[in-house]
Amino acid sequence: MEIKEKLGAIEAILFASGEPIEIYRLSEASGVDAGTLPSMIRLLNERYEDYGSGICIKKLDSSYQMCTREDFSEQVRAALETKRATPLSNAAMEALTIIAYNQPVSKGFVENVRGIDSSSVINNLVEKGLVEEAGRLDVPGKPIVYRTTSVFLRSFGLSSTASGDNAENTDSEETAAEEIATEEAAEIAADNEDTIGLTE
């Protein structure tokens, strides 16, 4: 297969997908070696740049996605009649930063760092597609843990997360979760003792 055909195959697959596609899947479907893909993507992006194209290809962790250029965001919004995205609040940015640097983490971990209830903030981040559920911790209550998504990477112009998922973070998170659970249990026990004392 000639380079021109390979470039066309990669372009067609990314266009048809509309979503991030894993490198290994793109390689298998296009018949292009995974190690050669970066240079092919670079060639396509250079072509788009030379032609003043409104599209580009971005790398998101271990995936590639065809996207529109930020320069044409206003025109795209106008064509699709979509409302301007509501900016993230300071609270949302704070929670998102905690999740991004420590992921995967539970809501309790985020709240422990922020010192305030973060349920609505995290739910909002999930609705916006910036974070997603990534399983549960192996501690009492088995709380859900969250991690950032490809939407997060694309929205902030990143190709990958700084820390990423790792066992060390999970272990520290489990320890923190256990400590939080213990503290909550102690508070409940203290409240119960006060109540019993008042009743007597």
N, C-alpha and C. Protein backbone atom coordinates (compact mmCIF):
# COMPACT_ATOMS: atom_id res chain seq x y z
N MET A 1 0.84 -1.20 0.00
CA MET A 1 0.00 0.00 0.00
C MET A 1 0.88 1.25 0.00
N GLU A 2 0.61 2.17 -0.92
CA GLU A 2 1.38 3.39 -1.01
C GLU A 2 1.04 4.35 0.13
N ILE A 3 1.95 5.31 0.36
CA ILE A 3 1.75 6.28 1.44
C ILE A 3 0.43 7.02 1.26
N LYS A 4 0.13 7.40 0.02
CA LYS A 4 -1.10 8.14 -0.25
C LYS A 4 -2.32 7.35 0.17
N GLU A 5 -2.30 6.04 -0.09
CA GLU A 5 -3.42 5.17 0.28
C GLU A 5 -3.50 5.01 1.80
N LYS A 6 -2.33 4.89 2.43
CA LYS A 6 -2.30 4.75 3.89
C LYS A 6 -2.87 5.99 4.57
N LEU A 7 -2.45 7.15 4.07
CA LEU A 7 -2.95 8.40 4.63
C LEU A 7 -4.46 8.49 4.45
N GLY A 8 -4.94 8.08 3.29
CA GLY A 8 -6.37 8.12 3.01
C GLY A 8 -7.14 7.18 3.92
N ALA A 9 -6.57 6.00 4.17
CA ALA A 9 -7.22 5.01 5.03
C ALA A 9 -7.33 5.53 6.46
N ILE A 10 -6.24 6.09 6.97
CA ILE A 10 -6.22 6.64 8.33
C ILE A 10 -7.24 7.76 8.46
N GLU A 11 -7.25 8.65 7.48
CA GLU A 11 -8.17 9.78 7.49
C GLU A 11 -9.62 9.32 7.47
N ALA A 12 -9.93 8.35 6.62
CA ALA A 12 -11.29 7.84 6.50
C ALA A 12 -11.77 7.19 7.80
N ILE A 13 -10.90 6.41 8.42
CA ILE A 13 -11.26 5.72 9.66
C ILE A 13 -11.54 6.71 10.78
N LEU A 14 -10.67 7.70 10.93
CA LEU A 14 -10.85 8.70 11.98
C LEU A 14 -12.10 9.54 11.74
N PHE A 15 -12.36 9.87 10.49
CA PHE A 15 -13.54 10.66 10.16
C PHE A 15 -14.81 9.87 10.45
N ALA A 16 -14.83 8.61 10.04
CA ALA A 16 -16.01 7.77 10.24
C ALA A 16 -16.26 7.46 11.71
N SER A 17 -15.18 7.33 12.48
CA SER A 17 -15.31 7.00 13.90
C SER A 17 -16.01 8.10 14.68
N GLY A 18 -15.55 9.33 14.53
CA GLY A 18 -16.15 10.44 15.26
C GLY A 18 -15.78 10.47 16.73
N GLU A 19 -15.17 9.42 17.22
CA GLU A 19 -14.76 9.30 18.62
C GLU A 19 -13.28 8.92 18.65
N PRO A 20 -12.63 9.06 19.82
CA PRO A 20 -11.24 8.63 19.92
C PRO A 20 -11.11 7.15 19.57
N ILE A 21 -10.14 6.80 18.79
CA ILE A 21 -9.94 5.40 18.43
C ILE A 21 -8.54 4.96 18.87
N GLU A 22 -8.49 3.85 19.56
CA GLU A 22 -7.22 3.34 20.09
C GLU A 22 -6.21 3.12 18.98
N ILE A 23 -4.95 3.37 19.29
CA ILE A 23 -3.88 3.24 18.30
C ILE A 23 -3.83 1.84 17.70
N TYR A 24 -3.96 0.81 18.53
CA TYR A 24 -3.87 -0.56 18.01
C TYR A 24 -5.02 -0.86 17.05
N ARG A 25 -6.21 -0.29 17.33
CA ARG A 25 -7.36 -0.51 16.44
C ARG A 25 -7.16 0.22 15.12
N LEU A 26 -6.64 1.44 15.21
CA LEU A 26 -6.38 2.22 14.00
C LEU A 26 -5.33 1.53 13.14
N SER A 27 -4.33 0.95 13.81
CA SER A 27 -3.27 0.25 13.10
C SER A 27 -3.81 -0.97 12.38
N GLU A 28 -4.62 -1.76 13.08
CA GLU A 28 -5.18 -2.98 12.49
C GLU A 28 -6.10 -2.65 11.32
N ALA A 29 -6.96 -1.65 11.50
CA ALA A 29 -7.95 -1.31 10.47
C ALA A 29 -7.31 -0.69 9.23
N SER A 30 -6.27 0.10 9.43
CA SER A 30 -5.65 0.80 8.30
C SER A 30 -4.53 0.01 7.64
N GLY A 31 -4.03 -1.00 8.36
CA GLY A 31 -2.92 -1.78 7.82
C GLY A 31 -1.59 -1.06 7.95
N VAL A 32 -1.56 -0.03 8.80
CA VAL A 32 -0.33 0.74 9.03
C VAL A 32 0.27 0.34 10.37
N ASP A 33 1.54 0.06 10.40
CA ASP A 33 2.22 -0.34 11.63
C ASP A 33 2.05 0.73 12.70
N ALA A 34 1.80 0.30 13.94
CA ALA A 34 1.57 1.24 15.04
C ALA A 34 2.73 2.21 15.23
N GLY A 35 3.95 1.73 14.99
CA GLY A 35 5.12 2.59 15.14
C GLY A 35 5.23 3.65 14.05
N THR A 36 4.54 3.42 12.94
CA THR A 36 4.57 4.37 11.82
C THR A 36 3.45 5.40 11.92
N LEU A 37 2.42 5.09 12.69
CA LEU A 37 1.25 5.97 12.78
C LEU A 37 1.58 7.42 13.15
N PRO A 38 2.43 7.66 14.16
CA PRO A 38 2.72 9.06 14.53
C PRO A 38 3.21 9.91 13.36
N SER A 39 4.10 9.34 12.54
CA SER A 39 4.64 10.10 11.41
C SER A 39 3.56 10.32 10.35
N MET A 40 2.66 9.35 10.19
CA MET A 40 1.57 9.49 9.22
C MET A 40 0.57 10.55 9.68
N ILE A 41 0.29 10.55 10.97
CA ILE A 41 -0.62 11.56 11.53
C ILE A 41 -0.01 12.95 11.37
N ARG A 42 1.30 13.02 11.59
CA ARG A 42 1.99 14.30 11.45
C ARG A 42 1.90 14.81 10.01
N LEU A 43 2.02 13.91 9.05
CA LEU A 43 1.89 14.28 7.64
C LEU A 43 0.50 14.82 7.33
N LEU A 44 -0.51 14.16 7.86
CA LEU A 44 -1.88 14.60 7.64
C LEU A 44 -2.11 15.98 8.24
N ASN A 45 -1.62 16.18 9.46
CA ASN A 45 -1.80 17.48 10.12
C ASN A 45 -1.05 18.59 9.37
N GLU A 46 0.10 18.26 8.80
CA GLU A 46 0.85 19.24 8.02
C GLU A 46 0.08 19.62 6.76
N ARG A 47 -0.58 18.63 6.15
CA ARG A 47 -1.41 18.89 4.98
C ARG A 47 -2.56 19.82 5.35
N TYR A 48 -3.23 19.49 6.45
CA TYR A 48 -4.36 20.31 6.89
C TYR A 48 -3.91 21.75 7.14
N GLU A 49 -2.75 21.88 7.76
CA GLU A 49 -2.20 23.20 8.08
C GLU A 49 -1.90 23.98 6.79
N ASP A 50 -1.30 23.31 5.83
CA ASP A 50 -0.95 23.95 4.56
C ASP A 50 -2.19 24.40 3.79
N TYR A 51 -3.26 23.61 3.86
CA TYR A 51 -4.48 23.92 3.14
C TYR A 51 -5.39 24.89 3.90
N GLY A 52 -5.00 25.22 5.14
CA GLY A 52 -5.86 26.06 5.95
C GLY A 52 -7.14 25.34 6.33
N SER A 53 -7.03 24.02 6.49
CA SER A 53 -8.19 23.18 6.79
C SER A 53 -8.79 23.50 8.16
N GLY A 54 -10.05 23.19 8.31
CA GLY A 54 -10.73 23.41 9.58
C GLY A 54 -10.67 22.21 10.50
N ILE A 55 -9.95 21.17 10.10
CA ILE A 55 -9.85 19.97 10.94
C ILE A 55 -8.39 19.67 11.27
N CYS A 56 -8.21 18.84 12.29
CA CYS A 56 -6.88 18.39 12.69
C CYS A 56 -7.05 17.06 13.40
N ILE A 57 -5.96 16.37 13.64
CA ILE A 57 -5.99 15.09 14.35
C ILE A 57 -5.21 15.26 15.65
N LYS A 58 -5.85 14.91 16.76
CA LYS A 58 -5.21 15.06 18.07
C LYS A 58 -4.97 13.70 18.70
N LYS A 59 -3.88 13.61 19.46
CA LYS A 59 -3.55 12.40 20.21
C LYS A 59 -4.08 12.57 21.62
N LEU A 60 -4.87 11.62 22.07
CA LEU A 60 -5.45 11.64 23.40
C LEU A 60 -5.07 10.35 24.11
N ASP A 61 -4.06 10.44 24.97
CA ASP A 61 -3.51 9.25 25.62
C ASP A 61 -3.08 8.24 24.56
N SER A 62 -3.72 7.07 24.52
CA SER A 62 -3.33 6.03 23.55
C SER A 62 -4.30 5.99 22.37
N SER A 63 -4.93 7.12 22.09
CA SER A 63 -5.91 7.18 21.00
C SER A 63 -5.66 8.40 20.12
N TYR A 64 -6.29 8.39 18.93
CA TYR A 64 -6.28 9.53 18.03
C TYR A 64 -7.73 9.91 17.74
N GLN A 65 -7.98 11.20 17.52
CA GLN A 65 -9.32 11.64 17.15
C GLN A 65 -9.24 12.81 16.19
N MET A 66 -10.13 12.80 15.20
CA MET A 66 -10.23 13.92 14.28
C MET A 66 -11.13 14.97 14.92
N CYS A 67 -10.64 16.22 14.95
CA CYS A 67 -11.37 17.31 15.61
C CYS A 67 -11.40 18.55 14.71
N THR A 68 -12.28 19.47 15.06
CA THR A 68 -12.28 20.76 14.37
C THR A 68 -11.27 21.67 15.05
N ARG A 69 -10.70 22.59 14.30
CA ARG A 69 -9.73 23.51 14.87
C ARG A 69 -10.43 24.55 15.74
N GLU A 70 -9.74 24.94 16.81
CA GLU A 70 -10.30 25.92 17.74
C GLU A 70 -10.58 27.25 17.05
N ASP A 71 -9.81 27.55 15.99
CA ASP A 71 -9.99 28.82 15.27
C ASP A 71 -11.40 28.96 14.69
N PHE A 72 -12.07 27.82 14.47
CA PHE A 72 -13.39 27.85 13.84
C PHE A 72 -14.50 27.45 14.81
N SER A 73 -14.23 27.53 16.11
CA SER A 73 -15.20 27.09 17.11
C SER A 73 -16.50 27.91 17.07
N GLU A 74 -16.37 29.22 16.85
CA GLU A 74 -17.57 30.07 16.81
C GLU A 74 -18.45 29.70 15.63
N GLN A 75 -17.86 29.45 14.47
CA GLN A 75 -18.63 29.08 13.29
C GLN A 75 -19.31 27.72 13.47
N VAL A 76 -18.60 26.81 14.13
CA VAL A 76 -19.17 25.48 14.37
C VAL A 76 -20.36 25.58 15.30
N ARG A 77 -20.22 26.39 16.35
CA ARG A 77 -21.33 26.58 17.29
C ARG A 77 -22.53 27.18 16.57
N ALA A 78 -22.27 28.15 15.72
CA ALA A 78 -23.36 28.82 15.00
C ALA A 78 -24.08 27.84 14.08
N ALA A 79 -23.32 26.99 13.40
CA ALA A 79 -23.91 26.02 12.48
C ALA A 79 -24.74 24.97 13.19
N LEU A 80 -24.27 24.57 14.37
CA LEU A 80 -24.96 23.53 15.13
C LEU A 80 -25.98 24.11 16.09
N GLU A 81 -26.04 25.44 16.14
CA GLU A 81 -26.98 26.15 17.01
C GLU A 81 -26.85 25.69 18.47
N THR A 82 -25.60 25.52 18.89
CA THR A 82 -25.36 25.11 20.27
C THR A 82 -25.03 26.33 21.12
N LYS A 83 -25.35 26.24 22.41
CA LYS A 83 -25.06 27.33 23.32
C LYS A 83 -23.60 27.27 23.75
N ARG A 84 -23.06 28.42 24.08
CA ARG A 84 -21.68 28.47 24.57
C ARG A 84 -21.59 27.66 25.86
N ALA A 85 -20.58 26.83 25.93
CA ALA A 85 -20.41 25.98 27.11
C ALA A 85 -20.26 26.85 28.35
N THR A 86 -20.97 26.47 29.40
CA THR A 86 -20.88 27.20 30.65
C THR A 86 -19.50 26.97 31.27
N PRO A 87 -18.78 28.04 31.59
CA PRO A 87 -17.45 27.88 32.18
C PRO A 87 -17.52 27.11 33.50
N LEU A 88 -16.49 26.36 33.80
CA LEU A 88 -16.45 25.62 35.06
C LEU A 88 -16.28 26.60 36.22
N SER A 89 -16.97 26.32 37.30
CA SER A 89 -16.85 27.16 38.49
C SER A 89 -15.50 26.89 39.15
N ASN A 90 -15.12 27.75 40.08
CA ASN A 90 -13.86 27.55 40.81
C ASN A 90 -13.88 26.22 41.56
N ALA A 91 -15.06 25.88 42.11
CA ALA A 91 -15.19 24.63 42.86
C ALA A 91 -14.98 23.44 41.93
N ALA A 92 -15.55 23.52 40.72
CA ALA A 92 -15.42 22.42 39.76
C ALA A 92 -13.97 22.27 39.31
N MET A 93 -13.30 23.40 39.07
CA MET A 93 -11.90 23.35 38.66
C MET A 93 -11.04 22.77 39.76
N GLU A 94 -11.37 23.11 40.99
CA GLU A 94 -10.61 22.62 42.13
C GLU A 94 -10.75 21.10 42.24
N ALA A 95 -11.99 20.61 42.13
CA ALA A 95 -12.25 19.17 42.22
C ALA A 95 -11.62 18.43 41.04
N LEU A 96 -11.72 19.02 39.85
CA LEU A 96 -11.15 18.41 38.66
C LEU A 96 -9.64 18.29 38.76
N THR A 97 -9.01 19.31 39.32
CA THR A 97 -7.55 19.29 39.51
C THR A 97 -7.15 18.18 40.46
N ILE A 98 -7.90 18.02 41.54
CA ILE A 98 -7.61 16.97 42.53
C ILE A 98 -7.72 15.59 41.88
N ILE A 99 -8.78 15.40 41.10
CA ILE A 99 -8.99 14.11 40.44
C ILE A 99 -7.88 13.85 39.41
N ALA A 100 -7.56 14.87 38.61
CA ALA A 100 -6.56 14.71 37.55
C ALA A 100 -5.18 14.33 38.10
N TYR A 101 -4.79 14.91 39.23
CA TYR A 101 -3.46 14.68 39.77
C TYR A 101 -3.36 13.46 40.67
N ASN A 102 -4.51 12.94 41.12
CA ASN A 102 -4.47 11.82 42.07
C ASN A 102 -5.26 10.60 41.61
N GLN A 103 -5.82 10.67 40.42
CA GLN A 103 -6.72 9.61 39.94
C GLN A 103 -6.11 8.21 39.96
N PRO A 104 -6.97 7.19 40.20
CA PRO A 104 -8.40 7.31 40.47
C PRO A 104 -8.66 7.61 41.94
N VAL A 105 -9.65 8.47 42.22
CA VAL A 105 -9.96 8.84 43.61
C VAL A 105 -11.46 8.82 43.84
N SER A 106 -11.84 8.68 45.10
CA SER A 106 -13.26 8.67 45.45
C SER A 106 -13.74 10.07 45.79
N LYS A 107 -15.05 10.21 45.89
CA LYS A 107 -15.64 11.49 46.27
C LYS A 107 -15.17 11.88 47.67
N GLY A 108 -15.04 10.88 48.55
CA GLY A 108 -14.58 11.14 49.90
C GLY A 108 -13.18 11.73 49.93
N PHE A 109 -12.32 11.25 49.04
CA PHE A 109 -10.96 11.77 48.95
C PHE A 109 -10.98 13.23 48.53
N VAL A 110 -11.78 13.54 47.52
CA VAL A 110 -11.90 14.92 47.03
C VAL A 110 -12.42 15.83 48.14
N GLU A 111 -13.43 15.35 48.86
CA GLU A 111 -14.02 16.15 49.93
C GLU A 111 -13.03 16.33 51.08
N ASN A 112 -12.22 15.30 51.34
CA ASN A 112 -11.23 15.39 52.41
C ASN A 112 -10.18 16.45 52.09
N VAL A 113 -9.81 16.56 50.81
CA VAL A 113 -8.82 17.55 50.39
C VAL A 113 -9.44 18.95 50.38
N ARG A 114 -10.67 19.06 49.86
CA ARG A 114 -11.33 20.35 49.74
C ARG A 114 -11.94 20.83 51.06
N GLY A 115 -12.27 19.88 51.92
CA GLY A 115 -12.88 20.24 53.20
C GLY A 115 -14.33 20.64 53.08
N ILE A 116 -15.01 20.17 52.02
CA ILE A 116 -16.41 20.54 51.82
C ILE A 116 -17.08 19.49 50.94
N ASP A 117 -18.40 19.34 51.09
CA ASP A 117 -19.15 18.38 50.30
C ASP A 117 -18.94 18.66 48.80
N SER A 118 -18.68 17.60 48.05
CA SER A 118 -18.38 17.78 46.62
C SER A 118 -19.27 16.93 45.72
N SER A 119 -20.37 16.43 46.25
CA SER A 119 -21.25 15.55 45.47
C SER A 119 -21.75 16.21 44.20
N SER A 120 -22.33 17.41 44.33
CA SER A 120 -22.91 18.08 43.16
C SER A 120 -21.82 18.48 42.16
N VAL A 121 -20.66 18.86 42.67
CA VAL A 121 -19.56 19.27 41.80
C VAL A 121 -19.08 18.09 40.95
N ILE A 122 -18.90 16.93 41.58
CA ILE A 122 -18.45 15.75 40.85
C ILE A 122 -19.51 15.27 39.88
N ASN A 123 -20.79 15.32 40.30
CA ASN A 123 -21.87 14.92 39.40
C ASN A 123 -21.89 15.81 38.16
N ASN A 124 -21.62 17.09 38.35
CA ASN A 124 -21.58 18.04 37.25
C ASN A 124 -20.44 17.71 36.28
N LEU A 125 -19.30 17.34 36.84
CA LEU A 125 -18.14 16.97 36.02
C LEU A 125 -18.42 15.71 35.22
N VAL A 126 -19.17 14.78 35.84
CA VAL A 126 -19.54 13.55 35.13
C VAL A 126 -20.50 13.87 33.99
N GLU A 127 -21.47 14.74 34.25
CA GLU A 127 -22.44 15.13 33.23
C GLU A 127 -21.76 15.81 32.04
N LYS A 128 -20.73 16.59 32.32
CA LYS A 128 -20.00 17.27 31.25
C LYS A 128 -19.04 16.33 30.52
N GLY A 129 -18.91 15.10 31.05
CA GLY A 129 -18.04 14.12 30.40
C GLY A 129 -16.57 14.31 30.70
N LEU A 130 -16.24 15.15 31.69
CA LEU A 130 -14.84 15.41 32.03
C LEU A 130 -14.25 14.33 32.93
N VAL A 131 -15.10 13.70 33.74
CA VAL A 131 -14.65 12.58 34.58
C VAL A 131 -15.65 11.44 34.44
N GLU A 132 -15.20 10.25 34.80
CA GLU A 132 -16.06 9.07 34.70
C GLU A 132 -15.75 8.11 35.83
N GLU A 133 -16.67 7.18 36.08
CA GLU A 133 -16.46 6.17 37.11
C GLU A 133 -15.37 5.21 36.65
N ALA A 134 -14.52 4.80 37.59
CA ALA A 134 -13.40 3.92 37.24
C ALA A 134 -13.31 2.73 38.18
N GLY A 135 -14.48 2.25 38.65
CA GLY A 135 -14.49 1.12 39.55
C GLY A 135 -14.80 1.52 40.99
N ARG A 136 -14.46 0.64 41.92
CA ARG A 136 -14.71 0.89 43.34
C ARG A 136 -13.49 0.51 44.18
N LEU A 137 -13.36 1.18 45.32
CA LEU A 137 -12.26 0.86 46.23
C LEU A 137 -12.61 -0.36 47.05
N ASP A 138 -11.59 -1.15 47.38
CA ASP A 138 -11.80 -2.35 48.18
C ASP A 138 -11.71 -2.00 49.66
N VAL A 139 -12.64 -1.16 50.12
CA VAL A 139 -12.74 -0.75 51.53
C VAL A 139 -14.20 -0.80 51.91
N PRO A 140 -14.53 -0.75 53.21
CA PRO A 140 -15.93 -0.77 53.63
C PRO A 140 -16.75 0.28 52.88
N GLY A 141 -17.89 -0.15 52.37
CA GLY A 141 -18.75 0.76 51.63
C GLY A 141 -18.45 0.75 50.13
N LYS A 142 -17.26 0.28 49.78
CA LYS A 142 -16.82 0.21 48.38
C LYS A 142 -17.20 1.47 47.58
N PRO A 143 -16.64 2.62 47.97
CA PRO A 143 -16.96 3.86 47.25
C PRO A 143 -16.48 3.86 45.81
N ILE A 144 -17.22 4.55 44.95
CA ILE A 144 -16.86 4.68 43.54
C ILE A 144 -15.63 5.59 43.42
N VAL A 145 -14.73 5.24 42.51
CA VAL A 145 -13.59 6.11 42.24
C VAL A 145 -13.76 6.72 40.84
N TYR A 146 -13.17 7.90 40.67
CA TYR A 146 -13.32 8.64 39.41
C TYR A 146 -11.96 8.93 38.77
N ARG A 147 -12.00 9.07 37.45
CA ARG A 147 -10.80 9.43 36.69
C ARG A 147 -11.22 10.38 35.56
N THR A 148 -10.25 11.05 34.97
CA THR A 148 -10.55 11.98 33.88
C THR A 148 -10.77 11.19 32.58
N THR A 149 -11.38 11.85 31.58
CA THR A 149 -11.73 11.20 30.32
C THR A 149 -10.98 11.82 29.14
N SER A 150 -11.22 11.27 27.97
CA SER A 150 -10.62 11.82 26.75
C SER A 150 -11.18 13.21 26.46
N VAL A 151 -12.42 13.45 26.93
CA VAL A 151 -13.03 14.79 26.76
C VAL A 151 -12.23 15.81 27.56
N PHE A 152 -11.78 15.42 28.75
CA PHE A 152 -10.96 16.28 29.59
C PHE A 152 -9.66 16.62 28.86
N LEU A 153 -9.01 15.60 28.30
CA LEU A 153 -7.75 15.83 27.59
C LEU A 153 -7.95 16.77 26.41
N ARG A 154 -9.01 16.51 25.63
CA ARG A 154 -9.27 17.34 24.45
C ARG A 154 -9.61 18.77 24.84
N SER A 155 -10.42 18.92 25.89
CA SER A 155 -10.87 20.25 26.32
C SER A 155 -9.72 21.12 26.82
N PHE A 156 -8.70 20.48 27.45
CA PHE A 156 -7.59 21.23 28.00
C PHE A 156 -6.34 21.15 27.13
N GLY A 157 -6.49 20.59 25.94
CA GLY A 157 -5.37 20.54 25.01
C GLY A 157 -4.23 19.66 25.46
N LEU A 158 -4.54 18.56 26.16
CA LEU A 158 -3.51 17.64 26.66
C LEU A 158 -3.49 16.38 25.83
N SER A 159 -2.35 15.72 25.77
CA SER A 159 -2.24 14.46 25.05
C SER A 159 -2.31 13.27 26.01
N SER A 160 -2.05 13.54 27.30
CA SER A 160 -2.14 12.49 28.32
C SER A 160 -2.17 13.15 29.69
N THR A 161 -2.53 12.36 30.69
CA THR A 161 -2.55 12.88 32.06
C THR A 161 -1.15 12.82 32.64
N ALA A 162 -0.86 13.70 33.57
CA ALA A 162 0.49 13.77 34.15
C ALA A 162 0.81 12.54 34.98
N SER A 163 -0.20 12.09 35.76
CA SER A 163 0.07 10.97 36.67
C SER A 163 -0.45 9.66 36.14
N GLY A 164 -1.70 9.65 35.68
CA GLY A 164 -2.29 8.42 35.16
C GLY A 164 -2.66 7.48 36.28
N ASP A 165 -3.37 6.38 35.91
CA ASP A 165 -3.78 5.39 36.89
C ASP A 165 -2.56 4.58 37.31
N ASN A 166 -2.41 4.36 38.60
CA ASN A 166 -1.34 3.47 39.05
C ASN A 166 -1.70 2.88 40.39
N ALA A 167 -1.04 1.76 40.68
CA ALA A 167 -1.36 1.02 41.90
C ALA A 167 -1.03 1.82 43.14
N GLU A 168 0.03 2.64 43.06
CA GLU A 168 0.44 3.41 44.23
C GLU A 168 -0.65 4.40 44.63
N ASN A 169 -1.25 5.09 43.64
CA ASN A 169 -2.33 6.01 43.95
C ASN A 169 -3.51 5.30 44.56
N THR A 170 -3.82 4.10 43.99
CA THR A 170 -4.96 3.34 44.49
C THR A 170 -4.73 2.92 45.92
N ASP A 171 -3.50 2.48 46.23
CA ASP A 171 -3.19 2.06 47.60
C ASP A 171 -3.33 3.23 48.58
N SER A 172 -2.79 4.40 48.20
CA SER A 172 -2.86 5.56 49.08
C SER A 172 -4.30 6.01 49.23
N GLU A 173 -5.07 5.87 48.15
CA GLU A 173 -6.47 6.26 48.20
C GLU A 173 -7.25 5.34 49.13
N GLU A 174 -6.94 4.04 49.07
CA GLU A 174 -7.61 3.09 49.95
C GLU A 174 -7.29 3.40 51.40
N THR A 175 -6.03 3.74 51.66
CA THR A 175 -5.63 4.10 53.03
C THR A 175 -6.37 5.33 53.50
N ALA A 176 -6.45 6.35 52.62
CA ALA A 176 -7.15 7.58 52.97
C ALA A 176 -8.63 7.30 53.19
N ALA A 177 -9.20 6.43 52.36
CA ALA A 177 -10.62 6.11 52.48
C ALA A 177 -10.90 5.40 53.80
N GLU A 178 -9.96 4.51 54.18
CA GLU A 178 -10.13 3.80 55.44
C GLU A 178 -10.08 4.78 56.61
N GLU A 179 -9.16 5.75 56.53
CA GLU A 179 -9.04 6.74 57.60
C GLU A 179 -10.31 7.59 57.69
N ILE A 180 -10.84 7.98 56.52
CA ILE A 180 -12.06 8.78 56.50
C ILE A 180 -13.22 7.99 57.09
N ALA A 181 -13.32 6.70 56.69
CA ALA A 181 -14.40 5.85 57.19
C ALA A 181 -14.30 5.69 58.71
N THR A 182 -13.06 5.54 59.20
CA THR A 182 -12.85 5.40 60.64
C THR A 182 -13.27 6.66 61.39
N GLU A 183 -12.88 7.83 60.83
CA GLU A 183 -13.24 9.11 61.46
C GLU A 183 -14.76 9.29 61.49
N GLU A 184 -15.43 8.93 60.38
CA GLU A 184 -16.88 9.07 60.32
C GLU A 184 -17.55 8.16 61.34
N ALA A 185 -17.01 6.93 61.46
CA ALA A 185 -17.57 5.97 62.40
C ALA A 185 -17.42 6.50 63.83
N ALA A 186 -16.25 7.11 64.13
CA ALA A 186 -16.01 7.65 65.46
C ALA A 186 -16.97 8.80 65.76
N GLU A 187 -17.21 9.65 64.77
CA GLU A 187 -18.13 10.77 64.96
C GLU A 187 -19.55 10.27 65.23
N ILE A 188 -19.96 9.23 64.48
CA ILE A 188 -21.30 8.68 64.68
C ILE A 188 -21.44 8.08 66.07
N ALA A 189 -20.37 7.37 66.50
CA ALA A 189 -20.39 6.75 67.82
C ALA A 189 -20.48 7.81 68.91
N ALA A 190 -19.73 8.91 68.72
CA ALA A 190 -19.76 10.00 69.71
C ALA A 190 -21.14 10.63 69.77
N ASP A 191 -21.76 10.81 68.61
CA ASP A 191 -23.11 11.40 68.58
C ASP A 191 -24.11 10.50 69.28
N ASN A 192 -23.95 9.19 69.08
CA ASN A 192 -24.86 8.22 69.73
C ASN A 192 -24.71 8.25 71.24
N GLU A 193 -23.45 8.39 71.72
CA GLU A 193 -23.21 8.44 73.16
C GLU A 193 -23.87 9.67 73.77
N ASP A 194 -23.75 10.82 73.04
CA ASP A 194 -24.37 12.04 73.52
C ASP A 194 -25.87 11.89 73.61
N THR A 195 -26.43 11.23 72.60
CA THR A 195 -27.87 11.06 72.57
C THR A 195 -28.34 10.18 73.71
N ILE A 196 -27.58 9.10 73.95
CA ILE A 196 -27.94 8.18 75.06
C ILE A 196 -27.87 8.90 76.38
N GLY A 197 -26.82 9.74 76.55
CA GLY A 197 -26.65 10.50 77.78
C GLY A 197 -27.80 11.44 78.03
N LEU A 198 -28.27 12.09 76.98
CA LEU A 198 -29.39 13.02 77.11
C LEU A 198 -30.67 12.28 77.47
N THR A 199 -30.82 11.05 76.88
CA THR A 199 -32.04 10.28 77.14
C THR A 199 -32.08 9.82 78.58
N GLU A 200 -30.92 9.41 79.07
CA GLU A 200 -30.89 8.93 80.46
C GLU A 200 -31.13 10.11 81.44
